[in-house]
Amino acid sequence: MLHYASSGNGSSQHLMAALLASMTGMQMRHVPYRGSAGATQDLLAGIVESSVAGVPNAISHLATGRLRALGVTTAYRII
């Protein structure tokens, strides 16, 4: 089972990951946090395996290679 972090119950991160799980049939468990900072910190630490992260929270970690983007929800890549 894949665990995913979000910035809280009902947040856009939570709903996007739930939609992904529903559309693909993936077994995913939601791990809610009180904001994006805690979710990103635990993602970097390996406590959770994935997150639907916003660009401002993830871009510096993507540039340094600490995170890897598997997909984007925009028409084109930002980095």
PDB file of N, CA and C in Angstrom:
ATOM      1  N   MET A   1       0.847  -1.173   0.000  1.00  0.00           N
ATOM      2  CA  MET A   1       0.000   0.000   0.000  1.00  0.00           C
ATOM      3  C   MET A   1       0.891   1.235   0.000  1.00  0.00           C
ATOM      4  N   LEU A   2       0.524   2.207  -0.802  1.00  0.00           N
ATOM      5  CA  LEU A   2       1.252   3.460  -0.926  1.00  0.00           C
ATOM      6  C   LEU A   2       0.622   4.510  -0.021  1.00  0.00           C
ATOM      7  N   HIS A   3       1.432   5.189   0.775  1.00  0.00           N
ATOM      8  CA  HIS A   3       0.950   6.263   1.648  1.00  0.00           C
ATOM      9  C   HIS A   3       1.225   7.590   0.968  1.00  0.00           C
ATOM     10  N   TYR A   4       0.250   8.494   1.022  1.00  0.00           N
ATOM     11  CA  TYR A   4       0.466   9.818   0.439  1.00  0.00           C
ATOM     12  C   TYR A   4       0.137  10.910   1.432  1.00  0.00           C
ATOM     13  N   ALA A   5       0.990  11.926   1.454  1.00  0.00           N
ATOM     14  CA  ALA A   5       0.832  13.062   2.352  1.00  0.00           C
ATOM     15  C   ALA A   5      -0.007  14.134   1.674  1.00  0.00           C
ATOM     16  N   SER A   6      -0.779  14.841   2.485  1.00  0.00           N
ATOM     17  CA  SER A   6      -1.504  16.011   1.985  1.00  0.00           C
ATOM     18  C   SER A   6      -1.501  17.074   3.066  1.00  0.00           C
ATOM     19  N   SER A   7      -1.900  18.273   2.686  1.00  0.00           N
ATOM     20  CA  SER A   7      -1.925  19.370   3.650  1.00  0.00           C
ATOM     21  C   SER A   7      -3.200  19.377   4.478  1.00  0.00           C
ATOM     22  N   GLY A   8      -3.949  18.284   4.468  1.00  0.00           N
ATOM     23  CA  GLY A   8      -5.122  18.160   5.326  1.00  0.00           C
ATOM     24  C   GLY A   8      -6.305  17.527   4.627  1.00  0.00           C
ATOM     25  N   ASN A   9      -7.255  17.068   5.421  1.00  0.00           N
ATOM     26  CA  ASN A   9      -8.475  16.468   4.880  1.00  0.00           C
ATOM     27  C   ASN A   9      -9.241  17.478   4.033  1.00  0.00           C
ATOM     28  N   GLY A  10      -9.622  17.078   2.840  1.00  0.00           N
ATOM     29  CA  GLY A  10     -10.393  17.936   1.951  1.00  0.00           C
ATOM     30  C   GLY A  10      -9.572  18.937   1.174  1.00  0.00           C
ATOM     31  N   SER A  11      -8.248  18.945   1.352  1.00  0.00           N
ATOM     32  CA  SER A  11      -7.389  19.869   0.608  1.00  0.00           C
ATOM     33  C   SER A  11      -7.304  19.421  -0.853  1.00  0.00           C
ATOM     34  N   SER A  12      -6.837  20.305  -1.703  1.00  0.00           N
ATOM     35  CA  SER A  12      -6.710  19.935  -3.115  1.00  0.00           C
ATOM     36  C   SER A  12      -5.726  18.785  -3.280  1.00  0.00           C
ATOM     37  N   GLN A  13      -4.672  18.741  -2.472  1.00  0.00           N
ATOM     38  CA  GLN A  13      -3.722  17.629  -2.532  1.00  0.00           C
ATOM     39  C   GLN A  13      -4.412  16.310  -2.199  1.00  0.00           C
ATOM     40  N   HIS A  14      -5.227  16.315  -1.171  1.00  0.00           N
ATOM     41  CA  HIS A  14      -5.960  15.124  -0.749  1.00  0.00           C
ATOM     42  C   HIS A  14      -6.896  14.659  -1.861  1.00  0.00           C
ATOM     43  N   LEU A  15      -7.670  15.579  -2.404  1.00  0.00           N
ATOM     44  CA  LEU A  15      -8.663  15.212  -3.408  1.00  0.00           C
ATOM     45  C   LEU A  15      -8.027  14.755  -4.713  1.00  0.00           C
ATOM     46  N   MET A  16      -6.923  15.371  -5.120  1.00  0.00           N
ATOM     47  CA  MET A  16      -6.246  14.949  -6.353  1.00  0.00           C
ATOM     48  C   MET A  16      -5.671  13.542  -6.213  1.00  0.00           C
ATOM     49  N   ALA A  17      -5.078  13.238  -5.073  1.00  0.00           N
ATOM     50  CA  ALA A  17      -4.533  11.892  -4.865  1.00  0.00           C
ATOM     51  C   ALA A  17      -5.652  10.859  -4.770  1.00  0.00           C
ATOM     52  N   ALA A  18      -6.761  11.222  -4.133  1.00  0.00           N
ATOM     53  CA  ALA A  18      -7.905  10.306  -4.058  1.00  0.00           C
ATOM     54  C   ALA A  18      -8.475  10.047  -5.449  1.00  0.00           C
ATOM     55  N   LEU A  19      -8.507  11.070  -6.282  1.00  0.00           N
ATOM     56  CA  LEU A  19      -8.973  10.899  -7.663  1.00  0.00           C
ATOM     57  C   LEU A  19      -8.030   9.986  -8.433  1.00  0.00           C
ATOM     58  N   LEU A  20      -6.732  10.182  -8.268  1.00  0.00           N
ATOM     59  CA  LEU A  20      -5.748   9.310  -8.916  1.00  0.00           C
ATOM     60  C   LEU A  20      -5.956   7.860  -8.495  1.00  0.00           C
ATOM     61  N   ALA A  21      -6.124   7.620  -7.204  1.00  0.00           N
ATOM     62  CA  ALA A  21      -6.343   6.263  -6.706  1.00  0.00           C
ATOM     63  C   ALA A  21      -7.621   5.667  -7.280  1.00  0.00           C
ATOM     64  N   SER A  22      -8.668   6.465  -7.335  1.00  0.00           N
ATOM     65  CA  SER A  22      -9.948   5.998  -7.848  1.00  0.00           C
ATOM     66  C   SER A  22      -9.875   5.655  -9.335  1.00  0.00           C
ATOM     67  N   MET A  23      -9.197   6.492 -10.096  1.00  0.00           N
ATOM     68  CA  MET A  23      -9.127   6.290 -11.552  1.00  0.00           C
ATOM     69  C   MET A  23      -8.209   5.141 -11.946  1.00  0.00           C
ATOM     70  N   THR A  24      -7.208   4.850 -11.119  1.00  0.00           N
ATOM     71  CA  THR A  24      -6.233   3.822 -11.472  1.00  0.00           C
ATOM     72  C   THR A  24      -6.429   2.513 -10.722  1.00  0.00           C
ATOM     73  N   GLY A  25      -7.242   2.538  -9.654  1.00  0.00           N
ATOM     74  CA  GLY A  25      -7.421   1.346  -8.844  1.00  0.00           C
ATOM     75  C   GLY A  25      -6.266   1.098  -7.879  1.00  0.00           C
ATOM     76  N   MET A  26      -5.402   2.095  -7.701  1.00  0.00           N
ATOM     77  CA  MET A  26      -4.262   1.952  -6.790  1.00  0.00           C
ATOM     78  C   MET A  26      -4.736   1.883  -5.341  1.00  0.00           C
ATOM     79  N   GLN A  27      -4.013   1.134  -4.537  1.00  0.00           N
ATOM     80  CA  GLN A  27      -4.254   1.068  -3.102  1.00  0.00           C
ATOM     81  C   GLN A  27      -3.419   2.169  -2.454  1.00  0.00           C
ATOM     82  N   MET A  28      -4.082   3.241  -2.007  1.00  0.00           N
ATOM     83  CA  MET A  28      -3.370   4.372  -1.407  1.00  0.00           C
ATOM     84  C   MET A  28      -4.017   4.739  -0.081  1.00  0.00           C
ATOM     85  N   ARG A  29      -3.198   5.097   0.900  1.00  0.00           N
ATOM     86  CA  ARG A  29      -3.703   5.513   2.205  1.00  0.00           C
ATOM     87  C   ARG A  29      -3.325   6.971   2.439  1.00  0.00           C
ATOM     88  N   HIS A  30      -4.323   7.757   2.812  1.00  0.00           N
ATOM     89  CA  HIS A  30      -4.147   9.184   3.052  1.00  0.00           C
ATOM     90  C   HIS A  30      -3.517   9.431   4.424  1.00  0.00           C
ATOM     91  N   VAL A  31      -2.507  10.296   4.454  1.00  0.00           N
ATOM     92  CA  VAL A  31      -1.875  10.723   5.696  1.00  0.00           C
ATOM     93  C   VAL A  31      -1.996  12.250   5.745  1.00  0.00           C
ATOM     94  N   PRO A  32      -2.994  12.771   6.475  1.00  0.00           N
ATOM     95  CA  PRO A  32      -3.205  14.227   6.509  1.00  0.00           C
ATOM     96  C   PRO A  32      -2.241  14.928   7.462  1.00  0.00           C
ATOM     97  N   TYR A  33      -1.820  16.116   7.073  1.00  0.00           N
ATOM     98  CA  TYR A  33      -0.959  16.959   7.899  1.00  0.00           C
ATOM     99  C   TYR A  33      -1.649  18.301   8.109  1.00  0.00           C
ATOM    100  N   ARG A  34      -1.134  19.090   9.021  1.00  0.00           N
ATOM    101  CA  ARG A  34      -1.658  20.435   9.256  1.00  0.00           C
ATOM    102  C   ARG A  34      -0.862  21.433   8.423  1.00  0.00           C
ATOM    103  N   GLY A  35      -0.937  21.302   7.138  1.00  0.00           N
ATOM    104  CA  GLY A  35      -0.220  22.190   6.230  1.00  0.00           C
ATOM    105  C   GLY A  35       0.798  21.454   5.396  1.00  0.00           C
ATOM    106  N   SER A  36       1.274  22.138   4.367  1.00  0.00           N
ATOM    107  CA  SER A  36       2.195  21.539   3.410  1.00  0.00           C
ATOM    108  C   SER A  36       3.595  21.323   3.959  1.00  0.00           C
ATOM    109  N   ALA A  37       4.018  22.161   4.898  1.00  0.00           N
ATOM    110  CA  ALA A  37       5.392  22.048   5.406  1.00  0.00           C
ATOM    111  C   ALA A  37       5.648  20.686   6.044  1.00  0.00           C
ATOM    112  N   GLY A  38       4.754  20.238   6.905  1.00  0.00           N
ATOM    113  CA  GLY A  38       4.925  18.936   7.550  1.00  0.00           C
ATOM    114  C   GLY A  38       4.846  17.786   6.560  1.00  0.00           C
ATOM    115  N   ALA A  39       3.951  17.918   5.583  1.00  0.00           N
ATOM    116  CA  ALA A  39       3.817  16.883   4.559  1.00  0.00           C
ATOM    117  C   ALA A  39       5.095  16.778   3.730  1.00  0.00           C
ATOM    118  N   THR A  40       5.651  17.909   3.352  1.00  0.00           N
ATOM    119  CA  THR A  40       6.889  17.914   2.563  1.00  0.00           C
ATOM    120  C   THR A  40       8.053  17.376   3.382  1.00  0.00           C
ATOM    121  N   GLN A  41       8.132  17.741   4.640  1.00  0.00           N
ATOM    122  CA  GLN A  41       9.213  17.272   5.519  1.00  0.00           C
ATOM    123  C   GLN A  41       9.189  15.748   5.637  1.00  0.00           C
ATOM    124  N   ASP A  42       8.014  15.170   5.862  1.00  0.00           N
ATOM    125  CA  ASP A  42       7.925  13.708   5.989  1.00  0.00           C
ATOM    126  C   ASP A  42       8.118  13.006   4.651  1.00  0.00           C
ATOM    127  N   LEU A  43       7.765  13.658   3.559  1.00  0.00           N
ATOM    128  CA  LEU A  43       8.027  13.097   2.236  1.00  0.00           C
ATOM    129  C   LEU A  43       9.532  13.014   2.002  1.00  0.00           C
ATOM    130  N   LEU A  44      10.249  14.084   2.330  1.00  0.00           N
ATOM    131  CA  LEU A  44      11.706  14.098   2.166  1.00  0.00           C
ATOM    132  C   LEU A  44      12.386  13.090   3.086  1.00  0.00           C
ATOM    133  N   ALA A  45      11.816  12.870   4.271  1.00  0.00           N
ATOM    134  CA  ALA A  45      12.390  11.935   5.239  1.00  0.00           C
ATOM    135  C   ALA A  45      12.061  10.477   4.920  1.00  0.00           C
ATOM    136  N   GLY A  46      11.162  10.249   3.960  1.00  0.00           N
ATOM    137  CA  GLY A  46      10.802   8.884   3.598  1.00  0.00           C
ATOM    138  C   GLY A  46       9.736   8.275   4.473  1.00  0.00           C
ATOM    139  N   ILE A  47       9.067   9.080   5.287  1.00  0.00           N
ATOM    140  CA  ILE A  47       8.004   8.563   6.147  1.00  0.00           C
ATOM    141  C   ILE A  47       6.767   8.234   5.326  1.00  0.00           C
ATOM    142  N   VAL A  48       6.487   9.042   4.314  1.00  0.00           N
ATOM    143  CA  VAL A  48       5.441   8.745   3.339  1.00  0.00           C
ATOM    144  C   VAL A  48       6.111   8.627   1.974  1.00  0.00           C
ATOM    145  N   GLU A  49       5.489   7.870   1.073  1.00  0.00           N
ATOM    146  CA  GLU A  49       6.121   7.602  -0.220  1.00  0.00           C
ATOM    147  C   GLU A  49       5.774   8.616  -1.300  1.00  0.00           C
ATOM    148  N   SER A  50       4.667   9.335  -1.140  1.00  0.00           N
ATOM    149  CA  SER A  50       4.253  10.227  -2.230  1.00  0.00           C
ATOM    150  C   SER A  50       3.414  11.381  -1.709  1.00  0.00           C
ATOM    151  N   SER A  51       3.207  12.342  -2.597  1.00  0.00           N
ATOM    152  CA  SER A  51       2.382  13.495  -2.302  1.00  0.00           C
ATOM    153  C   SER A  51       2.033  14.176  -3.613  1.00  0.00           C
ATOM    154  N   VAL A  52       0.885  14.806  -3.660  1.00  0.00           N
ATOM    155  CA  VAL A  52       0.543  15.687  -4.776  1.00  0.00           C
ATOM    156  C   VAL A  52       0.907  17.081  -4.289  1.00  0.00           C
ATOM    157  N   ALA A  53       2.135  17.466  -4.531  1.00  0.00           N
ATOM    158  CA  ALA A  53       2.676  18.700  -3.956  1.00  0.00           C
ATOM    159  C   ALA A  53       2.490  19.875  -4.908  1.00  0.00           C
ATOM    160  N   GLY A  54       2.286  21.028  -4.326  1.00  0.00           N
ATOM    161  CA  GLY A  54       2.222  22.258  -5.103  1.00  0.00           C
ATOM    162  C   GLY A  54       3.614  22.681  -5.546  1.00  0.00           C
ATOM    163  N   VAL A  55       3.673  23.418  -6.633  1.00  0.00           N
ATOM    164  CA  VAL A  55       4.958  23.847  -7.187  1.00  0.00           C
ATOM    165  C   VAL A  55       5.801  24.625  -6.176  1.00  0.00           C
ATOM    166  N   PRO A  56       5.253  25.612  -5.464  1.00  0.00           N
ATOM    167  CA  PRO A  56       6.104  26.362  -4.538  1.00  0.00           C
ATOM    168  C   PRO A  56       6.759  25.495  -3.465  1.00  0.00           C
ATOM    169  N   ASN A  57       6.088  24.451  -3.032  1.00  0.00           N
ATOM    170  CA  ASN A  57       6.636  23.574  -1.998  1.00  0.00           C
ATOM    171  C   ASN A  57       7.656  22.588  -2.533  1.00  0.00           C
ATOM    172  N   ALA A  58       7.567  22.243  -3.786  1.00  0.00           N
ATOM    173  CA  ALA A  58       8.404  21.173  -4.319  1.00  0.00           C
ATOM    174  C   ALA A  58       9.541  21.640  -5.218  1.00  0.00           C
ATOM    175  N   ILE A  59       9.464  22.813  -5.791  1.00  0.00           N
ATOM    176  CA  ILE A  59      10.398  23.197  -6.857  1.00  0.00           C
ATOM    177  C   ILE A  59      11.861  23.189  -6.420  1.00  0.00           C
ATOM    178  N   SER A  60      12.167  23.671  -5.230  1.00  0.00           N
ATOM    179  CA  SER A  60      13.572  23.678  -4.798  1.00  0.00           C
ATOM    180  C   SER A  60      14.076  22.253  -4.576  1.00  0.00           C
ATOM    181  N   HIS A  61      13.232  21.374  -4.090  1.00  0.00           N
ATOM    182  CA  HIS A  61      13.625  19.977  -3.858  1.00  0.00           C
ATOM    183  C   HIS A  61      13.749  19.211  -5.173  1.00  0.00           C
ATOM    184  N   LEU A  62      12.955  19.580  -6.158  1.00  0.00           N
ATOM    185  CA  LEU A  62      13.082  18.963  -7.483  1.00  0.00           C
ATOM    186  C   LEU A  62      14.393  19.381  -8.134  1.00  0.00           C
ATOM    187  N   ALA A  63      14.737  20.653  -8.006  1.00  0.00           N
ATOM    188  CA  ALA A  63      15.965  21.168  -8.616  1.00  0.00           C
ATOM    189  C   ALA A  63      17.214  20.532  -8.020  1.00  0.00           C
ATOM    190  N   THR A  64      17.184  20.214  -6.723  1.00  0.00           N
ATOM    191  CA  THR A  64      18.354  19.599  -6.084  1.00  0.00           C
ATOM    192  C   THR A  64      18.355  18.080  -6.196  1.00  0.00           C
ATOM    193  N   GLY A  65      17.269  17.499  -6.679  1.00  0.00           N
ATOM    194  CA  GLY A  65      17.197  16.055  -6.828  1.00  0.00           C
ATOM    195  C   GLY A  65      16.698  15.323  -5.601  1.00  0.00           C
ATOM    196  N   ARG A  66      16.281  16.049  -4.567  1.00  0.00           N
ATOM    197  CA  ARG A  66      15.775  15.385  -3.354  1.00  0.00           C
ATOM    198  C   ARG A  66      14.391  14.788  -3.588  1.00  0.00           C
ATOM    199  N   LEU A  67      13.633  15.360  -4.534  1.00  0.00           N
ATOM    200  CA  LEU A  67      12.337  14.818  -4.932  1.00  0.00           C
ATOM    201  C   LEU A  67      12.348  14.566  -6.431  1.00  0.00           C
ATOM    202  N   ARG A  68      11.493  13.656  -6.863  1.00  0.00           N
ATOM    203  CA  ARG A  68      11.347  13.373  -8.287  1.00  0.00           C
ATOM    204  C   ARG A  68       9.881  13.519  -8.654  1.00  0.00           C
ATOM    205  N   ALA A  69       9.619  14.319  -9.658  1.00  0.00           N
ATOM    206  CA  ALA A  69       8.249  14.512 -10.125  1.00  0.00           C
ATOM    207  C   ALA A  69       7.879  13.368 -11.070  1.00  0.00           C
ATOM    208  N   LEU A  70       6.740  12.765 -10.825  1.00  0.00           N
ATOM    209  CA  LEU A  70       6.265  11.684 -11.685  1.00  0.00           C
ATOM    210  C   LEU A  70       5.248  12.172 -12.700  1.00  0.00           C
ATOM    211  N   GLY A  71       4.690  13.342 -12.453  1.00  0.00           N
ATOM    212  CA  GLY A  71       3.701  13.893 -13.372  1.00  0.00           C
ATOM    213  C   GLY A  71       3.377  15.320 -12.997  1.00  0.00           C
ATOM    214  N   VAL A  72       2.730  15.996 -13.911  1.00  0.00           N
ATOM    215  CA  VAL A  72       2.287  17.367 -13.684  1.00  0.00           C
ATOM    216  C   VAL A  72       0.825  17.475 -14.088  1.00  0.00           C
ATOM    217  N   THR A  73       0.141  18.462 -13.543  1.00  0.00           N
ATOM    218  CA  THR A  73      -1.264  18.667 -13.889  1.00  0.00           C
ATOM    219  C   THR A  73      -1.462  19.901 -14.749  1.00  0.00           C
ATOM    220  N   THR A  74      -0.371  20.386 -15.345  1.00  0.00           N
ATOM    221  CA  THR A  74      -0.435  21.542 -16.239  1.00  0.00           C
ATOM    222  C   THR A  74      -0.190  21.086 -17.672  1.00  0.00           C
ATOM    223  N   ALA A  75      -0.399  21.994 -18.596  1.00  0.00           N
ATOM    224  CA  ALA A  75      -0.204  21.655 -20.006  1.00  0.00           C
ATOM    225  C   ALA A  75       1.270  21.431 -20.350  1.00  0.00           C
ATOM    226  N   TYR A  76       2.184  22.009 -19.553  1.00  0.00           N
ATOM    227  CA  TYR A  76       3.601  21.841 -19.813  1.00  0.00           C
ATOM    228  C   TYR A  76       4.378  21.869 -18.501  1.00  0.00           C
ATOM    229  N   ARG A  77       5.601  21.373 -18.554  1.00  0.00           N
ATOM    230  CA  ARG A  77       6.455  21.309 -17.367  1.00  0.00           C
ATOM    231  C   ARG A  77       6.948  22.690 -16.981  1.00  0.00           C
ATOM    232  N   ILE A  78       7.139  22.902 -15.692  1.00  0.00           N
ATOM    233  CA  ILE A  78       7.659  24.177 -15.194  1.00  0.00           C
ATOM    234  C   ILE A  78       9.183  24.150 -15.149  1.00  0.00           C
ATOM    235  N   ILE A  79       9.762  23.011 -14.766  1.00  0.00           N
ATOM    236  CA  ILE A  79      11.229  22.902 -14.738  1.00  0.00           C
ATOM    237  C   ILE A  79      11.675  21.757 -15.609  1.00  0.00           C
TER     238      ILE A  79
END
